[in-house]
């Protein structure tokens, strides 16, 4: 098989081998029939040789492209399953360390034996460096997962030699072993520091201050060593940009640990369940004041907790929820990012589980006279407003909703057999809906905040409940790992084939339709047109002061085109492609 350069050389040599006639005047070009036949034969021979050369080159390119597609697929599978290992390790706490790390270790082994083995089979014994851009993202994600796991097990860093030694048995012994190169290893290490930062903040909030301090020292050392290495690298463009992000991670961990050191006993301890609520709230405020914070574009300040950004009010509600909420196996919890179909999902599921108690045809359905947000409690919002609220008083089965990330869910939710229905929305539509919601909700705070700056903050993950992509991926992987517990639906599919998706949700939560029942009545009752036209949703306010009509704007897909310029839409698309690459998750408009 010819390489690119050898194919061109052969074509060139064949061209030079073509017979050349001496220059002749026009009156001298009177050739015999025999001479013309000889010339034609020579020309055909030359053309045939050139066709053969180009045919071989075309075969080479076709085979190369087919191999590249297989390599990209293997890399994406490595990325997706490595991310699952990372999310699994983030569940770590002092109470479940052995259980979580045992499962993460098995998952990491599966990444090697199932997906890395496939990649090595494609690349070993070939000019694999020609496909580095196709497989490098997966390799970097694997390095990140492997080093993250190793640190949580032993508090040490996996070296490049150690990682490669784990891959060696996967190689064909008759060929030269395929090894991860130093550049992909270092790029993976740079991403590791972001995961360690999120873990450190989470451990501080759980009172594991010493563990957070060890993380701080570990990340400092990695950053310090890489500062010496990066300037010497020839191909360091990607690494230099990652070094800036790494520095921010170091600063955030240092600030959190410094706050613990200065505040000492004032910092939130692990309080018992019998701690007075007023004392808990005071300690919670101390915790919040020590967390990394940024100026928000919907509120004056947002705070980073367990890798997510929250307002002070909702963060207080989340902390109380984590401590006090006790899940039941019969619970149904609806989870969304803000402005991702929350109102619609609440209406649909409320109508589903209560369709025998409140028949749609009766004419006095609760949804006709009550805003959906009053029928399905918002967990962290309720806990902020009423820290002593008793969720056990809710009717069976308990139906609730939240914006809490999978990582930050109360442990009782994760360990129980309750059902989680997660609905996500195309990020451009979600952003635009949140943008208009914010302008309506807080016109003074957002009046001087340009949309370009808001898109930048959104892409950086600095918005309420953000980063959007981490929130979505956590539930996406949870639905793949445990499909009986987590159902993943999209706003777009719900709009496109509402009845089909409603039936799927009904089956999942255990209240499927019989052959005689009509789903169309529920769909019609809960449609945007129906709910938005009701008097209860056109005027009045919720207990938190938000006007009920603020939750109904357009209720459509693809509406981002009316608000976002092409460049702003491209910025969100690029971030989405980068974050979701290899996950198997795609959005439609």
Protein backbone atom coordinates (compact mmCIF):
# COMPACT_ATOMS: atom_id res chain seq x y z
CA UNK A 1 0.00 0.00 0.00
CA UNK A 2 1.41 3.39 -0.97
CA UNK A 3 1.92 6.35 1.34
CA UNK A 4 0.90 9.83 0.19
CA UNK A 5 4.42 10.89 -0.82
CA UNK A 6 5.35 7.59 -2.54
CA UNK A 7 2.15 7.67 -4.57
CA UNK A 8 2.90 11.15 -5.84
CA UNK A 9 6.53 10.17 -6.59
CA UNK A 10 5.37 7.21 -8.65
CA UNK A 11 2.92 9.36 -10.57
CA UNK A 12 5.65 11.90 -11.25
CA UNK A 13 8.12 9.24 -12.45
CA UNK A 14 5.54 7.81 -14.81
CA UNK A 15 4.95 11.27 -16.21
CA UNK A 16 8.68 11.72 -16.91
CA UNK A 17 8.82 8.29 -18.54
CA UNK A 18 6.29 9.36 -21.20
CA UNK A 19 7.89 9.47 -24.68
CA UNK A 20 8.74 12.92 -26.00
CA UNK A 21 8.85 13.78 -29.73
CA UNK A 22 11.43 16.18 -31.05
CA UNK A 23 10.11 19.62 -32.02
CA UNK A 24 8.94 19.64 -35.63
CA UNK A 25 7.54 22.23 -37.95
CA UNK A 26 3.91 21.95 -39.02
CA UNK A 27 4.76 20.82 -42.58
CA UNK A 28 6.92 17.98 -41.18
CA UNK A 29 4.13 16.39 -39.07
CA UNK A 30 2.98 13.93 -41.64
CA UNK A 31 3.16 10.59 -39.88
CA UNK A 32 2.35 7.19 -41.27
CA UNK A 33 -0.50 5.11 -39.89
CA UNK A 34 2.01 2.81 -38.21
CA UNK A 35 3.75 5.67 -36.45
CA UNK A 36 0.39 6.94 -35.15
CA UNK A 37 -0.47 3.50 -33.76
CA UNK A 38 2.85 3.31 -31.89
CA UNK A 39 2.30 6.75 -30.39
CA UNK A 40 -1.26 5.83 -29.33
CA UNK A 41 -0.08 2.59 -27.69
CA UNK A 42 2.59 4.44 -25.73
CA UNK A 43 0.03 7.04 -24.59
CA UNK A 44 -2.41 4.34 -23.44
CA UNK A 45 0.35 2.62 -21.47
CA UNK A 46 1.19 5.87 -19.69
CA UNK A 47 -2.45 6.62 -18.89
CA UNK A 48 -2.98 3.08 -17.58
CA UNK A 49 0.01 3.36 -15.27
CA UNK A 50 -1.24 6.66 -13.91
CA UNK A 51 -4.71 5.22 -13.34
CA UNK A 52 -3.20 2.31 -11.43
CA UNK A 53 -1.20 4.67 -9.25
CA UNK A 54 -4.20 6.87 -8.46
CA UNK A 55 -6.37 3.80 -7.89
CA UNK A 56 -3.90 2.57 -5.29
CA UNK A 57 -3.80 5.99 -3.69
CA UNK A 58 -7.63 6.12 -3.62
CA UNK A 59 -7.69 2.69 -1.93
CA UNK A 60 -5.18 3.95 0.63
CA UNK A 61 -7.31 7.03 1.40
CA UNK A 62 -10.53 5.00 1.65
CA UNK A 63 -8.96 2.49 4.01
CA UNK A 64 -7.39 5.28 6.04
CA UNK A 65 -10.72 7.11 6.41
CA UNK A 66 -12.52 3.92 7.41
CA UNK A 67 -9.87 3.26 10.04
CA UNK A 68 -10.15 6.85 11.26
CA UNK A 69 -13.92 6.45 11.75
CA UNK A 70 -13.36 3.29 13.79
CA UNK A 71 -10.70 5.03 15.88
CA UNK A 72 -12.98 8.03 16.52
CA UNK A 73 -15.76 5.67 17.65
CA UNK A 74 -13.40 3.82 20.02
CA UNK A 75 -12.11 7.14 21.40
CA UNK A 76 -15.65 8.36 22.05
CA UNK A 77 -16.50 5.14 23.89
CA UNK A 78 -13.37 5.56 26.03
CA UNK A 79 -14.35 9.17 26.76
CA UNK A 80 -17.93 8.32 27.70
CA UNK A 81 -17.03 5.44 30.00
CA UNK A 82 -14.09 7.30 31.57
CA UNK A 83 -16.48 10.15 32.43
CA UNK A 84 -18.73 7.59 34.12
CA UNK A 85 -15.78 6.52 36.28
CA UNK A 86 -15.14 10.15 37.22
CA UNK A 87 -18.77 10.73 38.18
CA UNK A 88 -18.71 7.51 40.18
CA UNK A 89 -15.62 8.64 42.14
CA UNK A 90 -17.31 11.98 42.89
CA UNK A 91 -19.91 10.06 44.91
CA UNK A 92 -17.14 9.32 47.41
CA UNK A 93 -17.70 10.15 51.07
CA UNK A 94 -16.20 8.86 54.30
CA UNK A 95 -19.22 6.59 54.75
CA UNK A 96 -19.11 4.84 51.36
CA UNK A 97 -15.44 5.00 50.32
CA UNK A 98 -14.84 1.24 49.91
CA UNK A 99 -18.07 0.64 48.01
CA UNK A 100 -17.62 3.59 45.61
CA UNK A 101 -13.94 2.91 44.87
CA UNK A 102 -14.54 -0.80 44.32
CA UNK A 103 -17.15 -0.05 41.67
CA UNK A 104 -15.03 2.70 40.10
CA UNK A 105 -12.07 0.29 39.90
CA UNK A 106 -14.18 -2.31 38.09
CA UNK A 107 -15.55 0.33 35.70
CA UNK A 108 -12.02 1.56 34.95
CA UNK A 109 -10.90 -2.00 34.23
CA UNK A 110 -13.84 -2.37 31.85
CA UNK A 111 -12.74 0.78 29.99
CA UNK A 112 -9.35 -0.80 29.41
CA UNK A 113 -10.46 -4.31 28.48
CA UNK A 114 -13.48 -3.41 26.35
CA UNK A 115 -12.75 -0.04 24.77
CA UNK A 116 -9.01 0.60 25.01
CA UNK A 117 -8.34 -2.90 23.68
CA UNK A 118 -10.40 -2.06 20.59
CA UNK A 119 -8.43 1.15 20.03
CA UNK A 120 -5.09 -0.65 20.36
CA UNK A 121 -6.18 -3.33 17.90
CA UNK A 122 -6.80 -0.60 15.32
CA UNK A 123 -3.55 1.28 15.93
CA UNK A 124 -0.89 -1.23 16.89
CA UNK A 125 1.58 -1.94 14.10
CA UNK A 126 0.41 1.05 12.02
CA UNK A 127 1.42 4.67 11.54
CA UNK A 128 -0.76 5.49 14.53
CA UNK A 129 0.64 9.02 14.94
CA UNK A 130 -1.24 10.05 11.80
CA UNK A 131 -4.49 9.51 13.76
CA UNK A 132 -3.48 11.19 17.01
CA UNK A 133 -6.16 13.88 16.80
CA UNK A 134 -8.78 11.15 16.39
CA UNK A 135 -7.82 9.18 19.51
CA UNK A 136 -6.18 11.80 21.76
CA UNK A 137 -9.41 13.07 23.46
CA UNK A 138 -10.28 9.57 24.63
CA UNK A 139 -6.76 8.90 25.88
CA UNK A 140 -6.71 12.18 27.82
CA UNK A 141 -10.07 11.40 29.44
CA UNK A 142 -8.81 7.93 30.43
CA UNK A 143 -5.67 9.43 31.99
CA UNK A 144 -7.87 11.86 33.93
CA UNK A 145 -10.10 9.05 35.21
CA UNK A 146 -7.19 6.73 36.06
CA UNK A 147 -5.23 9.38 37.97
CA UNK A 148 -8.37 10.63 39.76
CA UNK A 149 -9.17 7.10 40.90
CA UNK A 150 -5.58 6.42 42.00
CA UNK A 151 -5.44 9.61 44.09
CA UNK A 152 -8.66 8.74 45.91
CA UNK A 153 -7.35 5.22 46.60
CA UNK A 154 -3.83 6.01 47.74
CA UNK A 155 -3.35 9.79 47.71
CA UNK A 156 -0.61 9.44 45.08
CA UNK A 157 -0.26 10.18 41.37
CA UNK A 158 -0.24 7.45 38.73
CA UNK A 159 2.88 7.85 36.63
CA UNK A 160 2.92 7.44 32.87
CA UNK A 161 4.85 4.18 33.24
CA UNK A 162 2.24 2.81 35.66
CA UNK A 163 -0.63 3.68 33.33
CA UNK A 164 1.15 2.15 30.33
CA UNK A 165 1.98 -1.01 32.29
CA UNK A 166 -1.77 -1.56 32.79
CA UNK A 167 -2.26 -1.36 29.02
CA UNK A 168 0.66 -3.60 28.10
CA UNK A 169 -1.27 -6.91 28.42
CA UNK A 170 -3.73 -5.62 25.81
CA UNK A 171 -1.03 -5.40 23.14
CA UNK A 172 -0.29 -8.03 20.51
CA UNK A 173 3.05 -9.51 21.72
CA UNK A 174 4.21 -9.99 18.12
CA UNK A 175 4.10 -6.22 17.51
CA UNK A 176 5.69 -3.23 19.15
CA UNK A 177 3.55 -2.24 22.18
CA UNK A 178 1.33 0.81 21.82
CA UNK A 179 1.87 3.28 24.66
CA UNK A 180 0.28 6.56 25.77
CA UNK A 181 2.64 9.42 24.92
CA UNK A 182 3.83 12.08 27.34
CA UNK A 183 1.77 14.90 25.79
CA UNK A 184 -1.58 13.11 26.19
CA UNK A 185 -0.58 12.15 29.73
CA UNK A 186 0.18 15.76 30.70
CA UNK A 187 -3.00 17.07 29.04
CA UNK A 188 -4.98 14.52 31.05
CA UNK A 189 -3.25 15.63 34.26
CA UNK A 190 -4.24 19.23 33.56
CA UNK A 191 -7.92 18.20 33.46
CA UNK A 192 -7.48 16.17 36.65
CA UNK A 193 -6.98 19.31 38.72
CA UNK A 194 -10.48 20.54 37.86
CA UNK A 195 -12.03 17.33 39.21
CA UNK A 196 -9.88 17.56 42.34
CA UNK A 197 -11.02 21.16 42.88
CA UNK A 198 -14.67 20.06 42.77
CA UNK A 199 -13.96 17.22 45.16
CA UNK A 200 -12.10 19.49 47.60
CA UNK A 201 -14.97 21.97 47.80
CA UNK A 202 -17.42 19.13 48.34
CA UNK A 203 -15.30 17.53 51.08
CA UNK A 204 -15.00 20.84 52.92
CA UNK A 205 -18.77 21.22 52.94
CA UNK A 206 -19.01 17.70 54.42
CA UNK A 207 -16.51 18.56 57.15
CA UNK A 208 -13.62 16.50 55.71
CA UNK A 209 -11.20 19.40 55.93
CA UNK A 210 -7.99 17.34 56.18
CA UNK A 211 -8.82 15.51 52.95
CA UNK A 212 -9.44 18.85 51.21
CA UNK A 213 -6.08 20.14 52.46
CA UNK A 214 -4.32 17.06 51.06
CA UNK A 215 -6.00 17.74 47.72
CA UNK A 216 -4.81 21.34 47.90
CA UNK A 217 -1.18 20.31 48.43
CA UNK A 218 -1.43 17.69 45.68
CA UNK A 219 -2.85 20.12 43.10
CA UNK A 220 -0.27 22.77 44.01
CA UNK A 221 2.52 20.28 43.37
CA UNK A 222 1.12 19.26 39.97
CA UNK A 223 0.75 22.90 38.95
CA UNK A 224 4.24 23.76 40.13
CA UNK A 225 5.85 20.86 38.26
CA UNK A 226 3.95 21.55 35.05
CA UNK A 227 4.98 25.20 35.16
CA UNK A 228 8.53 23.97 34.63
CA UNK A 229 7.64 21.54 31.86
CA UNK A 230 5.17 23.42 29.65
CA UNK A 231 7.55 26.17 28.38
CA UNK A 232 9.88 23.43 27.08
CA UNK A 233 7.15 21.67 25.08
CA UNK A 234 7.13 22.09 21.31
CA UNK A 235 3.40 21.39 20.95
CA UNK A 236 2.13 23.32 23.96
CA UNK A 237 -0.75 25.46 22.66
CA UNK A 238 -3.46 23.28 24.24
CA UNK A 239 -1.42 22.92 27.40
CA UNK A 240 -0.91 26.65 27.88
CA UNK A 241 -4.65 27.29 27.76
CA UNK A 242 -5.23 24.49 30.25
CA UNK A 243 -2.62 25.92 32.59
CA UNK A 244 -4.75 29.05 33.02
CA UNK A 245 -7.77 26.95 34.02
CA UNK A 246 -5.56 24.88 36.33
CA UNK A 247 -4.36 28.01 38.11
CA UNK A 248 -7.96 29.04 38.80
CA UNK A 249 -8.61 25.60 40.30
CA UNK A 250 -5.58 25.98 42.58
CA UNK A 251 -6.75 29.42 43.72
CA UNK A 252 -10.29 28.20 44.47
CA UNK A 253 -9.03 25.29 46.59
CA UNK A 254 -6.58 27.55 48.42
CA UNK A 255 -9.27 30.13 49.17
CA UNK A 256 -11.62 27.48 50.56
CA UNK A 257 -8.91 25.88 52.70
CA UNK A 258 -7.73 29.29 53.89
CA UNK A 259 -11.27 30.14 55.00
CA UNK A 260 -11.36 26.93 57.02
CA UNK A 261 -8.03 27.74 58.63
CA UNK A 262 -9.02 31.31 59.54
CA UNK A 263 -12.56 30.56 60.70
CA UNK A 264 -11.67 27.38 62.53
CA UNK A 265 -14.62 26.20 64.61
CA UNK A 266 -16.87 28.84 63.02
CA UNK A 267 -16.77 26.87 59.78
CA UNK A 268 -19.62 24.44 59.25
CA UNK A 269 -19.03 21.16 61.13
CA UNK A 270 -20.93 17.97 60.50
CA UNK A 271 -23.94 18.73 62.65
CA UNK A 272 -26.21 16.10 64.03
CA UNK A 273 -29.80 15.88 62.84
CA UNK A 274 -30.89 17.29 66.19
CA UNK A 275 -29.00 20.56 65.71
CA UNK A 276 -31.23 23.61 66.12
CA UNK A 277 -32.35 24.99 62.76
CA UNK A 278 -31.30 28.55 63.62
CA UNK A 279 -27.80 27.34 64.48
CA UNK A 280 -27.63 25.33 61.27
CA UNK A 281 -28.62 28.34 59.17
CA UNK A 282 -26.00 30.49 60.85
CA UNK A 283 -23.30 27.91 60.19
CA UNK A 284 -24.54 27.50 56.63
CA UNK A 285 -24.14 31.22 56.02
CA UNK A 286 -20.56 30.95 57.29
CA UNK A 287 -19.94 28.14 54.83
CA UNK A 288 -21.45 30.07 51.94
CA UNK A 289 -19.37 33.17 52.65
CA UNK A 290 -16.20 31.09 52.35
CA UNK A 291 -17.07 29.43 49.02
CA UNK A 292 -15.74 30.59 45.63
CA UNK A 293 -18.11 33.26 44.31
CA UNK A 294 -18.74 35.26 41.15
CA UNK A 295 -20.95 38.17 40.17
CA UNK A 296 -24.04 36.65 38.61
CA UNK A 297 -25.97 37.81 35.56
CA UNK A 298 -29.37 37.13 37.13
CA UNK A 299 -28.43 37.81 40.74
CA UNK A 300 -25.76 39.89 42.40
CA UNK A 301 -23.70 36.88 43.54
CA UNK A 302 -23.49 33.14 42.89
CA UNK A 303 -21.50 30.59 44.88
CA UNK A 304 -19.75 27.39 43.82
CA UNK A 305 -20.59 24.32 45.85
CA UNK A 306 -19.65 20.76 44.85
CA UNK A 307 -18.70 22.04 41.41
CA UNK A 308 -22.04 23.80 40.76
CA UNK A 309 -23.08 27.46 40.95
CA UNK A 310 -26.04 28.53 43.10
CA UNK A 311 -27.68 31.60 44.56
CA UNK A 312 -27.27 32.00 48.31
CA UNK A 313 -30.95 31.23 48.93
CA UNK A 314 -31.03 28.03 46.90
CA UNK A 315 -27.68 26.90 48.30
CA UNK A 316 -29.09 27.18 51.82
CA UNK A 317 -32.03 25.07 50.65
CA UNK A 318 -29.72 22.46 49.09
CA UNK A 319 -27.63 22.12 52.25
CA UNK A 320 -30.74 21.66 54.38
CA UNK A 321 -32.16 19.20 51.85
CA UNK A 322 -28.97 17.13 51.87
CA UNK A 323 -29.09 16.90 55.65
CA UNK A 324 -32.78 16.32 56.33
CA UNK A 325 -34.57 14.87 53.30
CA UNK A 326 -35.41 11.17 53.64
CA UNK A 327 -36.39 9.54 50.37
CA UNK A 328 -38.95 6.74 50.08
CA UNK A 329 -38.88 3.99 47.48
CA UNK A 330 -42.24 5.21 46.14
CA UNK A 331 -41.06 8.82 45.59
CA UNK A 332 -41.08 10.40 42.13
CA UNK A 333 -38.54 13.21 41.70
CA UNK A 334 -38.58 15.43 38.61
CA UNK A 335 -35.19 16.96 37.78
CA UNK A 336 -34.39 19.72 35.30
CA UNK A 337 -32.03 22.56 34.67
CA UNK A 338 -33.82 25.92 35.06
CA UNK A 339 -36.06 26.79 32.07
CA UNK A 340 -35.92 23.30 30.60
CA UNK A 341 -39.59 22.33 30.61
CA UNK A 342 -40.03 22.24 34.40
CA UNK A 343 -43.58 23.66 34.43
CA UNK A 344 -44.72 21.34 31.63
CA UNK A 345 -43.14 18.25 33.22
CA UNK A 346 -44.73 19.02 36.59
CA UNK A 347 -48.15 19.34 34.95
CA UNK A 348 -47.85 16.14 32.93
CA UNK A 349 -46.65 13.91 35.76
CA UNK A 350 -49.11 15.40 38.28
CA UNK A 351 -51.96 14.68 35.87
CA UNK A 352 -50.58 11.17 35.18
CA UNK A 353 -50.37 9.93 38.75
CA UNK A 354 -53.67 11.58 39.75
CA UNK A 355 -55.73 10.75 36.66
CA UNK A 356 -58.07 8.44 38.59
CA UNK A 357 -58.38 10.77 41.56
CA UNK A 358 -58.84 13.85 39.34
CA UNK A 359 -60.24 12.76 35.95
CA UNK A 360 -59.48 15.26 33.22
CA UNK A 361 -63.05 15.10 31.97
CA UNK A 362 -64.51 16.13 35.36
CA UNK A 363 -64.04 19.85 34.67
CA UNK A 364 -62.65 20.66 38.13
CA UNK A 365 -59.09 19.42 37.73
CA UNK A 366 -56.57 21.09 40.12
CA UNK A 367 -54.47 22.24 37.15
CA UNK A 368 -57.38 24.41 35.99
CA UNK A 369 -57.34 26.48 39.16
CA UNK A 370 -53.81 26.06 40.57
CA UNK A 371 -50.38 26.90 39.18
CA UNK A 372 -48.32 23.70 38.61
CA UNK A 373 -45.54 24.99 40.88
CA UNK A 374 -47.95 24.98 43.82
CA UNK A 375 -48.98 21.38 43.13
CA UNK A 376 -45.44 19.96 42.92
CA UNK A 377 -43.06 21.33 45.59
CA UNK A 378 -39.61 22.59 44.60
CA UNK A 379 -37.41 20.80 47.15
CA UNK A 380 -34.56 23.27 47.73
CA UNK A 381 -36.96 26.21 47.49
CA UNK A 382 -39.23 24.73 50.14
CA UNK A 383 -36.29 23.98 52.44
CA UNK A 384 -35.05 27.56 52.08
CA UNK A 385 -38.44 29.06 52.89
CA UNK A 386 -39.33 26.48 55.59
CA UNK A 387 -36.28 24.54 56.86
CA UNK A 388 -38.53 22.44 59.13
CA UNK A 389 -40.96 21.45 56.36
CA UNK A 390 -42.11 17.83 56.75
CA UNK A 391 -42.13 16.18 53.32
CA UNK A 392 -43.61 13.03 54.87
CA UNK A 393 -46.97 14.83 54.92
CA UNK A 394 -47.19 14.88 51.12
CA UNK A 395 -49.79 12.51 49.59
CA UNK A 396 -48.68 9.11 48.29
CA UNK A 397 -46.84 8.78 45.98
CA UNK A 398 -44.80 11.86 46.83
CA UNK A 399 -44.12 13.99 43.75
CA UNK A 400 -41.38 16.64 43.95
CA UNK A 401 -38.98 18.50 41.70
CA UNK A 402 -35.46 19.88 41.97
CA UNK A 403 -32.59 21.47 40.03
CA UNK A 404 -29.98 19.70 42.21
CA UNK A 405 -27.20 17.92 40.31
CA UNK A 406 -26.94 14.14 40.59
CA UNK A 407 -23.70 14.52 42.52
CA UNK A 408 -25.35 16.73 45.16
CA UNK A 409 -28.56 14.74 45.64
CA UNK A 410 -29.27 13.65 49.22
CA UNK A 411 -27.75 10.25 49.92
CA UNK A 412 -31.18 8.82 50.70
CA UNK A 413 -32.28 9.59 47.13
CA UNK A 414 -29.27 7.77 45.66
CA UNK A 415 -29.63 4.73 47.90
CA UNK A 416 -33.42 4.33 47.64
CA UNK A 417 -35.46 2.84 44.80
CA UNK A 418 -37.28 6.12 44.09
CA UNK A 419 -37.86 7.14 40.47
CA UNK A 420 -36.08 10.10 38.87
CA UNK A 421 -37.41 11.65 35.65
CA UNK A 422 -34.82 13.98 34.11
CA UNK A 423 -35.78 16.40 31.34
CA UNK A 424 -33.15 18.44 29.51
CA UNK A 425 -33.39 20.99 26.72
CA UNK A 426 -31.23 22.21 23.85
CA UNK A 427 -28.75 24.59 25.55
CA UNK A 428 -29.44 27.47 23.14
CA UNK A 429 -33.18 27.39 23.78
CA UNK A 430 -32.60 26.90 27.48
CA UNK A 431 -30.23 29.90 27.64
CA UNK A 432 -32.60 32.18 25.72
CA UNK A 433 -35.54 31.18 27.92
CA UNK A 434 -33.46 31.86 31.04
CA UNK A 435 -32.27 35.17 29.57
CA UNK A 436 -35.82 36.45 29.01
CA UNK A 437 -36.96 35.02 32.36
CA UNK A 438 -34.18 36.97 34.08
CA UNK A 439 -35.01 40.22 32.30
CA UNK A 440 -38.62 39.86 33.37
CA UNK A 441 -37.79 38.76 36.89
CA UNK A 442 -35.00 41.22 37.62
CA UNK A 443 -35.16 44.02 35.02
CA UNK A 444 -32.91 46.41 36.97
CA UNK A 445 -30.15 43.85 37.66
CA UNK A 446 -30.03 42.66 34.03
CA UNK A 447 -30.65 45.99 32.26
CA UNK A 448 -26.95 46.81 31.87
CA UNK A 449 -25.76 43.21 31.41
CA UNK A 450 -25.06 42.55 27.70
CA UNK A 451 -26.15 39.23 26.25
CA UNK A 452 -22.61 38.64 24.93
CA UNK A 453 -21.32 38.61 28.50
CA UNK A 454 -24.17 36.35 29.58
CA UNK A 455 -23.36 33.81 26.84
CA UNK A 456 -19.71 33.87 27.91
CA UNK A 457 -20.71 33.18 31.53
CA UNK A 458 -23.08 30.41 30.39
CA UNK A 459 -20.35 28.71 28.36
CA UNK A 460 -18.06 28.90 31.39
CA UNK A 461 -20.76 27.22 33.46
CA UNK A 462 -21.29 30.25 35.69
CA UNK A 463 -25.05 30.45 35.92
CA UNK A 464 -27.71 29.11 38.28
CA UNK A 465 -27.26 25.31 38.68
CA UNK A 466 -24.44 25.39 36.08
CA UNK A 467 -22.37 24.13 34.43
CA UNK A 468 -25.23 23.02 32.19
CA UNK A 469 -23.17 20.27 30.55
CA UNK A 470 -22.03 18.62 33.80
CA UNK A 471 -25.60 18.67 35.11
CA UNK A 472 -26.92 16.95 31.99
CA UNK A 473 -24.09 14.40 31.70
CA UNK A 474 -24.41 13.25 35.30
CA UNK A 475 -28.04 12.26 34.77
CA UNK A 476 -27.34 10.94 31.27
CA UNK A 477 -24.73 8.51 32.61
CA UNK A 478 -26.94 7.66 35.59
CA UNK A 479 -29.77 6.74 33.19
CA UNK A 480 -27.41 4.48 31.21
CA UNK A 481 -26.08 2.84 34.36
CA UNK A 482 -29.43 2.40 36.10
CA UNK A 483 -32.31 2.75 33.61
CA UNK A 484 -34.83 1.45 36.14
CA UNK A 485 -34.12 4.38 38.45
CA UNK A 486 -33.39 7.32 36.11
CA UNK A 487 -35.40 8.12 32.97
CA UNK A 488 -33.77 10.62 30.59
CA UNK A 489 -36.10 12.60 28.30
CA UNK A 490 -35.54 15.67 26.17
CA UNK A 491 -37.80 18.68 25.76
CA UNK A 492 -37.46 18.39 21.99
CA UNK A 493 -38.70 14.78 21.84
CA UNK A 494 -41.48 15.65 24.28
CA UNK A 495 -42.62 18.37 21.88
CA UNK A 496 -42.19 16.21 18.78
CA UNK A 497 -44.06 13.12 19.97
CA UNK A 498 -45.79 14.12 23.19
CA UNK A 499 -48.14 11.15 23.53
CA UNK A 500 -45.35 8.62 22.97
CA UNK A 501 -43.09 10.25 25.55
CA UNK A 502 -45.92 10.64 28.08
CA UNK A 503 -46.68 6.93 27.79
CA UNK A 504 -42.98 6.18 28.30
CA UNK A 505 -42.93 8.32 31.46
CA UNK A 506 -46.13 6.67 32.71
CA UNK A 507 -44.66 3.18 32.26
CA UNK A 508 -41.45 4.22 34.01
CA UNK A 509 -43.16 5.59 37.14
CA UNK A 510 -45.50 2.61 37.36
CA UNK A 511 -48.81 4.04 36.17
CA UNK A 512 -48.98 2.92 32.55
CA UNK A 513 -52.10 3.34 30.47
CA UNK A 514 -54.57 0.55 29.80
CA UNK A 515 -55.76 -0.09 26.27
CA UNK A 516 -59.00 1.78 26.93
CA UNK A 517 -57.43 4.90 28.41
CA UNK A 518 -56.75 7.98 26.31
CA UNK A 519 -53.50 9.85 26.82
CA UNK A 520 -54.61 12.67 24.51
CA UNK A 521 -56.81 14.28 27.19
CA UNK A 522 -53.87 14.69 29.57
CA UNK A 523 -51.66 15.98 26.76
CA UNK A 524 -54.28 18.57 25.81
CA UNK A 525 -54.85 19.68 29.41
CA UNK A 526 -51.12 20.17 29.99
CA UNK A 527 -50.32 21.79 26.65
CA UNK A 528 -48.70 25.22 26.56
CA UNK A 529 -51.78 26.67 24.87
CA UNK A 530 -54.10 25.31 27.55
CA UNK A 531 -52.05 26.17 30.64
CA UNK A 532 -50.96 29.62 29.47
CA UNK A 533 -54.57 30.64 28.76
CA UNK A 534 -55.80 29.87 32.28
CA UNK A 535 -56.50 32.83 34.51
CA UNK A 536 -54.48 31.33 37.37
CA UNK A 537 -51.37 31.32 35.13
CA UNK A 538 -51.94 34.77 33.61
CA UNK A 539 -52.05 36.82 36.80
CA UNK A 540 -51.14 36.47 40.43
CA UNK A 541 -47.91 35.54 42.20
CA UNK A 542 -46.36 32.51 43.83
CA UNK A 543 -45.44 32.67 47.54
CA UNK A 544 -41.85 33.55 46.57
CA UNK A 545 -43.07 36.69 44.76
CA UNK A 546 -42.59 35.45 41.17
CA UNK A 547 -45.50 36.28 38.88
CA UNK A 548 -47.18 33.16 37.53
CA UNK A 549 -47.12 34.41 33.93
CA UNK A 550 -43.31 34.52 34.05
CA UNK A 551 -43.28 30.74 33.51
CA UNK A 552 -45.06 30.94 30.15
CA UNK A 553 -43.24 32.65 27.27
CA UNK A 554 -43.32 30.67 23.98
CA UNK A 555 -42.95 26.99 24.82
CA UNK A 556 -41.34 26.12 21.49
CA UNK A 557 -38.18 24.59 20.08
CA UNK A 558 -35.69 26.57 18.01
CA UNK A 559 -36.83 29.90 19.45
CA UNK A 560 -33.22 30.87 20.16
CA UNK A 561 -32.95 32.18 16.59
CA UNK A 562 -34.97 35.27 17.55
CA UNK A 563 -32.47 36.27 20.25
CA UNK A 564 -29.01 34.86 19.54
CA UNK A 565 -26.73 36.13 16.80
CA UNK A 566 -24.93 33.58 14.65
CA UNK A 567 -21.65 34.11 16.54
CA UNK A 568 -23.29 33.66 19.95
CA UNK A 569 -25.08 30.52 18.79
CA UNK A 570 -21.78 29.19 17.44
CA UNK A 571 -20.11 29.82 20.81
CA UNK A 572 -22.71 27.67 22.58
CA UNK A 573 -22.52 25.01 19.84
CA UNK A 574 -18.73 24.77 20.12
CA UNK A 575 -18.91 24.39 23.89
CA UNK A 576 -21.64 21.77 23.58
CA UNK A 577 -19.60 19.76 21.07
CA UNK A 578 -16.54 19.95 23.30
CA UNK A 579 -18.37 18.95 26.49
CA UNK A 580 -20.62 16.25 25.03
CA UNK A 581 -18.00 14.75 22.71
CA UNK A 582 -17.86 11.00 23.15
CA UNK A 583 -20.93 10.83 25.41
CA UNK A 584 -23.34 9.65 22.74
CA UNK A 585 -25.74 12.45 23.68
CA UNK A 586 -27.04 14.74 20.95
CA UNK A 587 -29.62 17.53 20.83
CA UNK A 588 -32.01 18.49 18.07
CA UNK A 589 -33.69 21.83 17.45
